[in-house]
Amino acid sequence: MPEIYDLHTHSTASDGTLTPPELIALAAQKGVGVLALTDHDTLDGLDVAQRTADAVGLILRTGVEISVSWGGRTIHIIALGIDSRCEELRGGLARLSTYRRWRAEEIGRRLAKAGIEDAFEGAKAFSNGRLIGRTHFARFLVRKGYARSEPDVFKHYLVKGKPGHLAGEWATLEEAVGWICAAGGQAVIAHPARYRFTRSKLLRLIAEFKESGGVGIEVVSGNHNRDECLYFARLARENGLLASVGSDFHGPENPWAGLGDLPALPAHCTPIWVDWEGRGSYPGIGNRSGKGFRDRP
């Protein structure tokens, strides 16, 4: 019986709500056999996650989710199976960390001009104090009653044209994939449906991604509905990309993206793990649950 794979998750090392040990323990409880911890632009949670995974008998795939500026948008590239000691990767992530700090401070300044005081310090209190992202601002603004939910915060405060919006100046696609390849990892385009690209723009992204050394695309995602999974499965086949699966889990308070709660890959995809030390086979490998596709809320 195939193992359950979840290759896109977050912890308190970035904007998740569970510590790395808590995340690993929950994954083991839910029957996940292979998990990737892919926090945003940081490797900080990997060592403690590995110790916990060893203790509970779960296979941990080292990872990170890298922020990239491409085509006038911020997109995310997942790294899987990286050597976390790689100096080229660590140097690139250090640069992004410095930018993230300035960006968070600037978002705080812009929200202050809109009458929301102490937003940076408030967001910092919801973070680990080192990596402060927009999700932390959203949690603070919900707590203070400025919005009913985190999606409402993004809609009214943090997207283009709103007071807390700030266009990202992240790594280039070539840089991010280069760091991943230097670290011996596999580069994967994360949750592609979220970008709402036209087909022609998406194909241009895929072409540039492959030219830079990228190999995979997230076909099954907690952010994808059934039709989107099938669409990206077809694109993966047509463009020679390996297919990945990931919940994009941030915490149990987001039930639409349950840890390990993912359907099997659509038929005839080649899974990203096909050559991982003999794990997996083609075709027909998928998540053990065998659940059907779900529509996201």
Protein backbone atom coordinates (compact mmCIF):
# COMPACT_ATOMS: atom_id res chain seq x y z
CA MET A 1 0.00 0.00 0.00
CA PRO A 2 1.57 3.35 -1.04
CA GLU A 3 2.69 5.78 1.61
CA ILE A 4 1.10 9.16 2.21
CA TYR A 5 3.28 11.99 0.92
CA ASP A 6 2.88 15.63 1.93
CA LEU A 7 5.65 17.71 0.41
CA HIS A 8 4.58 21.27 1.26
CA THR A 9 4.14 22.24 4.92
CA HIS A 10 4.96 25.11 7.27
CA SER A 11 5.89 25.52 10.91
CA THR A 12 6.56 28.36 13.35
CA ALA A 13 9.96 28.70 11.69
CA SER A 14 7.99 30.84 9.18
CA ASP A 15 4.23 31.43 9.25
CA GLY A 16 2.83 28.12 10.48
CA THR A 17 1.22 27.78 13.90
CA LEU A 18 2.79 24.46 14.99
CA THR A 19 6.42 24.08 16.02
CA PRO A 20 8.47 21.68 13.88
CA PRO A 21 8.20 18.89 16.49
CA GLU A 22 4.43 19.45 16.77
CA LEU A 23 4.11 19.34 12.98
CA ILE A 24 6.06 16.08 12.74
CA ALA A 25 4.07 14.51 15.58
CA LEU A 26 0.76 15.45 13.92
CA ALA A 27 1.96 14.10 10.57
CA ALA A 28 2.89 10.78 12.17
CA GLN A 29 -0.49 10.67 13.92
CA LYS A 30 -2.24 11.18 10.58
CA GLY A 31 -0.27 8.40 8.92
CA VAL A 32 1.98 10.56 6.74
CA GLY A 33 4.98 8.49 5.74
CA VAL A 34 7.05 11.11 3.89
CA LEU A 35 6.88 14.80 4.82
CA ALA A 36 8.72 17.85 3.53
CA LEU A 37 9.06 20.87 5.81
CA THR A 38 9.13 23.84 3.42
CA ASP A 39 9.09 27.02 5.47
CA HIS A 40 9.27 30.35 3.67
CA ASP A 41 12.83 31.43 2.89
CA THR A 42 14.35 29.74 5.95
CA LEU A 43 15.99 26.47 6.96
CA ASP A 44 15.66 27.16 10.68
CA GLY A 45 13.22 24.37 11.54
CA LEU A 46 14.91 21.51 9.73
CA ASP A 47 17.36 20.24 12.36
CA VAL A 48 14.81 19.87 15.17
CA ALA A 49 12.27 18.48 12.70
CA GLN A 50 14.77 15.82 11.63
CA ARG A 51 15.40 14.75 15.23
CA THR A 52 11.67 14.41 15.84
CA ALA A 53 11.12 12.56 12.56
CA ASP A 54 13.87 10.08 13.47
CA ALA A 55 12.21 9.51 16.85
CA VAL A 56 8.76 8.76 15.42
CA GLY A 57 9.89 6.86 12.32
CA LEU A 58 8.74 9.41 9.73
CA ILE A 59 10.81 10.18 6.62
CA LEU A 60 11.59 13.90 6.42
CA ARG A 61 12.51 15.47 3.10
CA THR A 62 14.51 18.64 3.71
CA GLY A 63 12.94 21.62 1.99
CA VAL A 64 12.28 25.33 1.76
CA GLU A 65 9.79 27.53 -0.13
CA ILE A 66 11.63 30.33 -1.90
CA SER A 67 9.97 33.65 -2.78
CA VAL A 68 10.54 34.69 -6.39
CA SER A 69 9.67 37.77 -8.42
CA TRP A 70 8.61 36.78 -11.91
CA GLY A 71 6.33 38.33 -14.51
CA GLY A 72 5.36 41.19 -12.22
CA ARG A 73 4.15 38.77 -9.52
CA THR A 74 5.45 36.94 -6.48
CA ILE A 75 5.57 33.21 -7.07
CA HIS A 76 6.90 30.41 -4.87
CA ILE A 77 9.39 27.70 -5.73
CA ILE A 78 9.63 24.63 -3.49
CA ALA A 79 13.01 23.00 -2.90
CA LEU A 80 12.99 19.30 -2.02
CA GLY A 81 15.89 17.11 -0.89
CA ILE A 82 18.36 19.95 -0.41
CA ASP A 83 21.64 19.89 1.47
CA SER A 84 20.85 22.51 4.10
CA ARG A 85 24.58 23.16 4.58
CA CYS A 86 24.99 24.50 1.03
CA GLU A 87 26.59 27.94 1.27
CA GLU A 88 25.10 29.20 -1.99
CA LEU A 89 21.58 28.38 -0.81
CA ARG A 90 22.18 29.74 2.68
CA GLY A 91 23.62 32.97 1.29
CA GLY A 92 20.62 33.49 -0.98
CA LEU A 93 18.16 32.87 1.84
CA ALA A 94 20.09 35.26 4.10
CA ARG A 95 19.60 37.97 1.48
CA LEU A 96 15.87 37.27 1.39
CA SER A 97 15.73 37.33 5.19
CA THR A 98 17.24 40.81 5.27
CA TYR A 99 14.72 42.00 2.71
CA ARG A 100 11.84 40.36 4.60
CA ARG A 101 12.73 42.31 7.75
CA TRP A 102 12.79 45.63 5.90
CA ARG A 103 9.55 44.76 4.11
CA ALA A 104 7.76 43.97 7.36
CA GLU A 105 8.91 47.25 8.88
CA GLU A 106 7.73 49.11 5.78
CA ILE A 107 4.31 47.42 5.88
CA GLY A 108 4.07 48.57 9.49
CA ARG A 109 4.90 52.14 8.48
CA ARG A 110 2.31 52.11 5.70
CA LEU A 111 -0.40 50.73 7.99
CA ALA A 112 0.47 53.44 10.55
CA LYS A 113 -0.23 56.07 7.89
CA ALA A 114 -3.65 54.45 7.47
CA GLY A 115 -4.34 54.83 11.20
CA ILE A 116 -3.28 51.36 12.40
CA GLU A 117 -0.64 51.87 15.05
CA ASP A 118 2.00 49.37 16.19
CA ALA A 119 1.23 46.91 13.40
CA PHE A 120 4.85 45.83 13.03
CA GLU A 121 5.23 45.07 16.73
CA GLY A 122 1.84 43.38 16.70
CA ALA A 123 2.78 41.18 13.78
CA LYS A 124 6.13 40.42 15.39
CA ALA A 125 4.32 39.13 18.49
CA PHE A 126 2.57 36.53 16.30
CA SER A 127 5.88 35.42 14.75
CA ASN A 128 9.08 33.82 15.98
CA GLY A 129 10.64 37.29 16.03
CA ARG A 130 12.95 36.55 13.11
CA LEU A 131 10.72 35.94 10.10
CA ILE A 132 7.72 38.30 9.96
CA GLY A 133 5.37 37.88 7.03
CA ARG A 134 2.04 39.17 5.83
CA THR A 135 0.24 36.30 7.56
CA HIS A 136 1.49 37.60 10.90
CA PHE A 137 0.08 41.04 10.09
CA ALA A 138 -3.21 39.37 9.16
CA ARG A 139 -3.39 37.56 12.51
CA PHE A 140 -2.68 40.79 14.37
CA LEU A 141 -5.34 42.77 12.47
CA VAL A 142 -7.94 40.05 13.08
CA ARG A 143 -7.09 40.02 16.79
CA LYS A 144 -7.49 43.81 16.91
CA GLY A 145 -10.87 43.68 15.18
CA TYR A 146 -9.90 45.32 11.89
CA ALA A 147 -11.20 42.30 9.96
CA ARG A 148 -13.20 39.13 10.59
CA SER A 149 -10.70 36.73 9.06
CA GLU A 150 -7.22 36.56 7.60
CA PRO A 151 -8.53 36.48 3.99
CA ASP A 152 -10.46 39.68 4.79
CA VAL A 153 -7.25 41.32 5.96
CA PHE A 154 -5.51 40.51 2.69
CA LYS A 155 -8.49 41.76 0.69
CA HIS A 156 -8.78 45.09 2.50
CA TYR A 157 -5.24 45.88 3.65
CA LEU A 158 -2.47 43.85 1.98
CA VAL A 159 -3.19 43.50 -1.75
CA LYS A 160 -2.42 45.92 -4.55
CA GLY A 161 -4.14 49.28 -4.06
CA LYS A 162 -4.59 48.78 -0.30
CA PRO A 163 -2.67 50.62 2.45
CA GLY A 164 -0.37 47.77 3.51
CA HIS A 165 0.54 46.53 0.04
CA LEU A 166 4.18 46.40 -0.93
CA ALA A 167 5.39 44.77 -4.14
CA GLY A 168 7.95 42.06 -3.42
CA GLU A 169 11.54 42.31 -4.61
CA TRP A 170 12.53 38.67 -4.21
CA ALA A 171 14.97 36.32 -5.91
CA THR A 172 14.84 35.91 -9.65
CA LEU A 173 13.61 32.56 -10.98
CA GLU A 174 17.09 31.74 -12.26
CA GLU A 175 18.65 32.56 -8.88
CA ALA A 176 16.18 30.49 -6.84
CA VAL A 177 16.40 27.41 -9.03
CA GLY A 178 20.18 27.82 -9.16
CA TRP A 179 20.40 27.81 -5.35
CA ILE A 180 18.27 24.66 -5.23
CA CYS A 181 20.36 22.86 -7.84
CA ALA A 182 23.58 23.90 -6.06
CA ALA A 183 22.16 22.30 -2.90
CA GLY A 184 21.45 19.05 -4.76
CA GLY A 185 17.68 19.48 -4.58
CA GLN A 186 14.67 19.36 -6.88
CA ALA A 187 12.89 22.61 -7.75
CA VAL A 188 9.07 22.54 -7.90
CA ILE A 189 6.59 25.26 -8.87
CA ALA A 190 4.29 25.63 -5.85
CA HIS A 191 0.46 25.86 -6.06
CA PRO A 192 0.39 27.16 -9.66
CA ALA A 193 -3.38 27.78 -9.69
CA ARG A 194 -2.95 30.57 -7.16
CA TYR A 195 -1.17 32.81 -9.66
CA ARG A 196 -4.13 32.98 -12.07
CA PHE A 197 -1.78 33.16 -15.04
CA THR A 198 -3.07 32.85 -18.57
CA ARG A 199 -2.08 29.61 -20.28
CA SER A 200 0.50 31.40 -22.41
CA LYS A 201 2.10 33.07 -19.38
CA LEU A 202 2.10 29.80 -17.46
CA LEU A 203 3.80 28.03 -20.35
CA ARG A 204 6.41 30.80 -20.45
CA LEU A 205 7.01 30.31 -16.72
CA ILE A 206 7.40 26.56 -17.19
CA ALA A 207 9.83 27.04 -20.08
CA GLU A 208 12.03 29.45 -18.13
CA PHE A 209 11.78 27.25 -15.03
CA LYS A 210 12.94 24.15 -16.92
CA GLU A 211 15.70 26.09 -18.66
CA SER A 212 16.99 27.14 -15.22
CA GLY A 213 17.01 23.52 -14.01
CA GLY A 214 13.53 23.12 -12.49
CA VAL A 215 11.98 19.65 -12.62
CA GLY A 216 8.55 19.58 -10.95
CA ILE A 217 5.17 21.20 -10.47
CA GLU A 218 2.69 20.87 -7.61
CA VAL A 219 -0.22 19.03 -9.21
CA VAL A 220 -2.17 18.10 -6.07
CA SER A 221 -2.35 20.95 -3.58
CA GLY A 222 -4.48 22.12 -0.70
CA ASN A 223 -4.98 25.22 -2.86
CA HIS A 224 -6.29 23.29 -5.90
CA ASN A 225 -9.75 22.01 -6.67
CA ARG A 226 -10.43 18.89 -8.75
CA ASP A 227 -10.38 20.56 -12.15
CA GLU A 228 -7.16 22.43 -11.34
CA CYS A 229 -5.44 19.19 -10.26
CA LEU A 230 -6.41 17.54 -13.53
CA TYR A 231 -5.30 20.58 -15.54
CA PHE A 232 -1.87 20.72 -13.93
CA ALA A 233 -1.50 16.95 -14.26
CA ARG A 234 -1.96 17.37 -18.00
CA LEU A 235 0.51 20.28 -18.11
CA ALA A 236 3.06 18.21 -16.18
CA ARG A 237 2.78 15.37 -18.69
CA GLU A 238 2.89 17.65 -21.72
CA ASN A 239 5.93 19.56 -20.46
CA GLY A 240 7.96 16.72 -18.99
CA LEU A 241 7.63 17.82 -15.37
CA LEU A 242 7.49 15.56 -12.34
CA ALA A 243 4.31 15.84 -10.26
CA SER A 244 4.38 16.81 -6.60
CA VAL A 245 1.74 16.80 -3.86
CA GLY A 246 1.48 19.15 -0.89
CA SER A 247 -1.19 20.44 1.45
CA ASP A 248 0.47 23.84 2.05
CA PHE A 249 -0.44 23.12 5.67
CA HIS A 250 -0.02 26.09 8.03
CA GLY A 251 -1.96 24.83 11.05
CA PRO A 252 -5.04 22.92 12.19
CA GLU A 253 -7.11 26.12 12.22
CA ASN A 254 -7.18 25.94 8.38
CA PRO A 255 -9.25 22.77 7.82
CA TRP A 256 -9.39 23.13 4.03
CA ALA A 257 -5.67 22.26 3.86
CA GLY A 258 -5.41 19.27 6.18
CA LEU A 259 -2.00 17.73 6.82
CA GLY A 260 -1.62 14.70 4.54
CA ASP A 261 -5.30 14.92 3.56
CA LEU A 262 -4.74 14.82 -0.18
CA PRO A 263 -6.10 12.74 -3.05
CA ALA A 264 -3.89 10.53 -5.19
CA LEU A 265 -2.08 11.97 -8.14
CA PRO A 266 -4.13 11.80 -11.35
CA ALA A 267 -3.29 8.88 -13.59
CA HIS A 268 -0.14 8.84 -15.71
CA CYS A 269 1.75 11.50 -13.74
CA THR A 270 5.34 10.72 -12.87
CA PRO A 271 5.67 11.47 -9.14
CA ILE A 272 8.49 13.65 -7.90
CA TRP A 273 9.58 10.83 -5.58
CA VAL A 274 9.92 8.18 -8.30
CA ASP A 275 13.72 7.97 -7.90
CA TRP A 276 13.98 8.63 -4.18
CA GLU A 277 16.01 5.61 -3.08
CA GLY A 278 13.70 3.21 -4.87
CA ARG A 279 10.50 4.70 -3.41
CA GLY A 280 7.49 4.86 -5.65
CA SER A 281 6.75 3.50 -9.09
CA TYR A 282 4.98 4.62 -12.24
CA PRO A 283 2.11 4.68 -12.98
CA GLY A 284 -0.52 4.61 -10.26
CA ILE A 285 1.35 5.77 -7.17
CA GLY A 286 -0.48 8.18 -4.93
CA ASN A 287 -1.57 8.88 -1.43
CA ARG A 288 -2.73 5.93 0.57
CA SER A 289 -6.05 7.55 1.47
CA GLY A 290 -7.27 7.15 -2.11
CA LYS A 291 -9.69 10.02 -1.46
CA GLY A 292 -11.34 11.81 -4.32
CA PHE A 293 -10.70 15.40 -5.19
CA ARG A 294 -12.20 18.11 -3.04
CA ASP A 295 -13.33 21.57 -4.01
CA ARG A 296 -11.58 24.21 -1.94
CA PRO A 297 -13.75 26.77 -0.12
